């Protein structure tokens, strides 16, 4: 994500237009407030999981 839905620097599943070279653009849907809150909560959970996994691979 590059700012879509207010989310940056994270790979999550959202509707997208695909072309021969990969993702051409993200389709940003109009979400209700509760749907947007749920999406942001999911993104936070994914980000925390990524950070936890990254902590295993940092040099000591």
N, C-alpha and C. Protein backbone atom coordinates (compact mmCIF):
# COMPACT_ATOMS: atom_id res chain seq x y z
N UNK A 1 0.84 -1.17 0.00
CA UNK A 1 0.00 0.00 0.00
C UNK A 1 0.90 1.24 0.00
N UNK A 2 0.44 2.24 -0.73
CA UNK A 2 1.16 3.51 -0.83
C UNK A 2 0.22 4.66 -0.52
N UNK A 3 -0.42 4.55 0.64
CA UNK A 3 -1.33 5.62 1.07
C UNK A 3 -2.80 5.33 0.85
N UNK A 4 -3.11 4.29 0.11
CA UNK A 4 -4.51 3.93 -0.08
C UNK A 4 -5.12 3.56 1.27
N UNK A 5 -6.30 4.03 1.50
CA UNK A 5 -7.01 3.78 2.76
C UNK A 5 -6.23 4.29 3.97
N UNK A 6 -5.22 5.13 3.75
CA UNK A 6 -4.41 5.64 4.85
C UNK A 6 -3.36 4.65 5.32
N UNK A 7 -3.05 3.65 4.51
CA UNK A 7 -2.09 2.61 4.88
C UNK A 7 -0.85 2.75 4.00
N UNK A 8 0.32 2.73 4.60
CA UNK A 8 1.58 2.85 3.87
C UNK A 8 2.52 1.72 4.20
N UNK A 9 3.34 1.36 3.21
CA UNK A 9 4.45 0.42 3.40
C UNK A 9 4.01 -0.93 3.96
N UNK A 10 2.92 -1.45 3.40
CA UNK A 10 2.43 -2.75 3.86
C UNK A 10 1.77 -3.45 2.69
N UNK A 11 1.99 -4.75 2.57
CA UNK A 11 1.34 -5.55 1.54
C UNK A 11 0.14 -6.24 2.18
N UNK A 12 -1.06 -5.88 1.75
CA UNK A 12 -2.27 -6.56 2.20
C UNK A 12 -3.19 -6.73 1.00
N UNK A 13 -4.14 -7.63 1.11
CA UNK A 13 -5.04 -7.91 0.01
C UNK A 13 -6.15 -6.87 -0.11
N UNK A 14 -6.13 -6.13 -1.20
CA UNK A 14 -7.18 -5.18 -1.53
C UNK A 14 -7.48 -5.32 -3.01
N UNK A 15 -8.65 -4.85 -3.46
CA UNK A 15 -8.94 -4.94 -4.89
C UNK A 15 -7.91 -4.16 -5.70
N UNK A 16 -7.46 -4.75 -6.81
CA UNK A 16 -6.45 -4.12 -7.64
C UNK A 16 -6.68 -4.47 -9.10
N UNK A 17 -6.21 -3.60 -9.97
CA UNK A 17 -6.21 -3.85 -11.40
C UNK A 17 -4.83 -4.41 -11.74
N UNK A 18 -4.82 -5.61 -12.32
CA UNK A 18 -3.57 -6.26 -12.68
C UNK A 18 -3.34 -6.17 -14.17
N UNK A 19 -2.10 -6.00 -14.56
CA UNK A 19 -1.71 -5.99 -15.96
C UNK A 19 -0.54 -6.93 -16.17
N UNK A 20 0.02 -6.88 -17.36
CA UNK A 20 1.11 -7.81 -17.68
C UNK A 20 2.35 -7.58 -16.82
N UNK A 21 2.47 -6.39 -16.23
CA UNK A 21 3.63 -6.08 -15.38
C UNK A 21 3.29 -6.09 -13.89
N UNK A 22 2.14 -6.62 -13.54
CA UNK A 22 1.75 -6.67 -12.13
C UNK A 22 0.65 -5.68 -11.81
N UNK A 23 0.67 -5.13 -10.61
CA UNK A 23 -0.39 -4.22 -10.16
C UNK A 23 -0.29 -2.90 -10.92
N UNK A 24 -1.36 -2.54 -11.60
CA UNK A 24 -1.41 -1.26 -12.30
C UNK A 24 -1.95 -0.16 -11.38
N UNK A 25 -2.95 -0.52 -10.59
CA UNK A 25 -3.46 0.44 -9.61
C UNK A 25 -4.33 -0.28 -8.60
N UNK A 26 -4.39 0.30 -7.42
CA UNK A 26 -5.25 -0.19 -6.34
C UNK A 26 -6.63 0.45 -6.53
N UNK A 27 -7.66 -0.35 -6.40
CA UNK A 27 -9.03 0.15 -6.47
C UNK A 27 -9.46 0.49 -5.05
N UNK A 28 -9.60 1.78 -4.76
CA UNK A 28 -9.97 2.21 -3.41
C UNK A 28 -11.49 2.37 -3.35
N UNK A 29 -12.13 1.49 -2.60
CA UNK A 29 -13.59 1.50 -2.47
C UNK A 29 -14.03 2.47 -1.39
N UNK A 30 -15.23 2.99 -1.53
CA UNK A 30 -15.82 3.79 -0.46
C UNK A 30 -16.25 2.85 0.65
N UNK A 31 -15.65 2.99 1.81
CA UNK A 31 -15.96 2.13 2.94
C UNK A 31 -16.75 2.90 3.99
N UNK A 32 -17.66 2.20 4.64
CA UNK A 32 -18.35 2.78 5.79
C UNK A 32 -17.33 2.95 6.91
N UNK A 33 -17.63 3.79 7.85
CA UNK A 33 -16.69 4.06 8.95
C UNK A 33 -16.27 2.79 9.67
N UNK A 34 -17.22 1.89 9.94
CA UNK A 34 -16.87 0.65 10.64
C UNK A 34 -16.02 -0.26 9.77
N UNK A 35 -16.26 -0.27 8.47
CA UNK A 35 -15.45 -1.09 7.57
C UNK A 35 -14.02 -0.56 7.50
N UNK A 36 -13.87 0.76 7.43
CA UNK A 36 -12.54 1.37 7.40
C UNK A 36 -11.80 1.06 8.70
N UNK A 37 -12.49 1.13 9.83
CA UNK A 37 -11.88 0.83 11.12
C UNK A 37 -11.41 -0.62 11.17
N UNK A 38 -12.20 -1.52 10.62
CA UNK A 38 -11.82 -2.93 10.60
C UNK A 38 -10.61 -3.17 9.69
N UNK A 39 -10.58 -2.48 8.54
CA UNK A 39 -9.44 -2.61 7.63
C UNK A 39 -8.17 -2.09 8.30
N UNK A 40 -8.26 -0.95 8.97
CA UNK A 40 -7.09 -0.39 9.64
C UNK A 40 -6.63 -1.28 10.79
N UNK A 41 -7.58 -1.90 11.51
CA UNK A 41 -7.23 -2.82 12.59
C UNK A 41 -6.52 -4.05 12.01
N UNK A 42 -6.99 -4.54 10.88
CA UNK A 42 -6.33 -5.68 10.23
C UNK A 42 -4.93 -5.31 9.79
N UNK A 43 -4.78 -4.12 9.21
CA UNK A 43 -3.45 -3.67 8.77
C UNK A 43 -2.51 -3.56 9.97
N UNK A 44 -3.00 -3.05 11.09
CA UNK A 44 -2.17 -2.96 12.30
C UNK A 44 -1.74 -4.34 12.77
N UNK A 45 -2.65 -5.31 12.70
CA UNK A 45 -2.32 -6.67 13.12
C UNK A 45 -1.25 -7.27 12.21
N UNK A 46 -1.37 -7.04 10.90
CA UNK A 46 -0.38 -7.54 9.95
C UNK A 46 0.96 -6.86 10.21
N UNK A 47 0.95 -5.55 10.41
CA UNK A 47 2.19 -4.81 10.67
C UNK A 47 2.89 -5.34 11.93
N UNK A 48 2.12 -5.59 12.99
CA UNK A 48 2.70 -6.13 14.22
C UNK A 48 3.29 -7.52 13.99
N UNK A 49 2.61 -8.33 13.21
CA UNK A 49 3.13 -9.66 12.89
C UNK A 49 4.43 -9.58 12.10
N UNK A 50 4.50 -8.67 11.14
CA UNK A 50 5.72 -8.47 10.36
C UNK A 50 6.85 -8.00 11.27
N UNK A 51 6.56 -7.06 12.15
CA UNK A 51 7.59 -6.57 13.08
C UNK A 51 8.09 -7.69 13.98
N UNK A 52 7.18 -8.53 14.43
CA UNK A 52 7.59 -9.65 15.29
C UNK A 52 8.48 -10.62 14.52
N UNK A 53 8.11 -10.93 13.29
CA UNK A 53 8.94 -11.82 12.48
C UNK A 53 10.31 -11.20 12.20
N UNK A 54 10.32 -9.90 11.91
CA UNK A 54 11.58 -9.21 11.64
C UNK A 54 12.50 -9.26 12.86
N UNK A 55 11.94 -9.26 14.06
CA UNK A 55 12.78 -9.27 15.26
C UNK A 55 13.58 -10.56 15.37
N UNK A 56 13.11 -11.63 14.76
CA UNK A 56 13.84 -12.90 14.78
C UNK A 56 15.07 -12.88 13.88
N UNK A 57 15.07 -11.98 12.91
CA UNK A 57 16.13 -11.96 11.92
C UNK A 57 17.12 -10.81 12.10
N UNK A 58 16.94 -10.02 13.15
CA UNK A 58 17.89 -8.92 13.40
C UNK A 58 19.14 -9.48 14.03
N UNK A 59 20.30 -8.98 13.60
CA UNK A 59 21.55 -9.45 14.22
C UNK A 59 21.61 -9.07 15.69
N UNK A 60 22.19 -9.94 16.49
CA UNK A 60 22.31 -9.67 17.92
C UNK A 60 23.67 -9.14 18.27
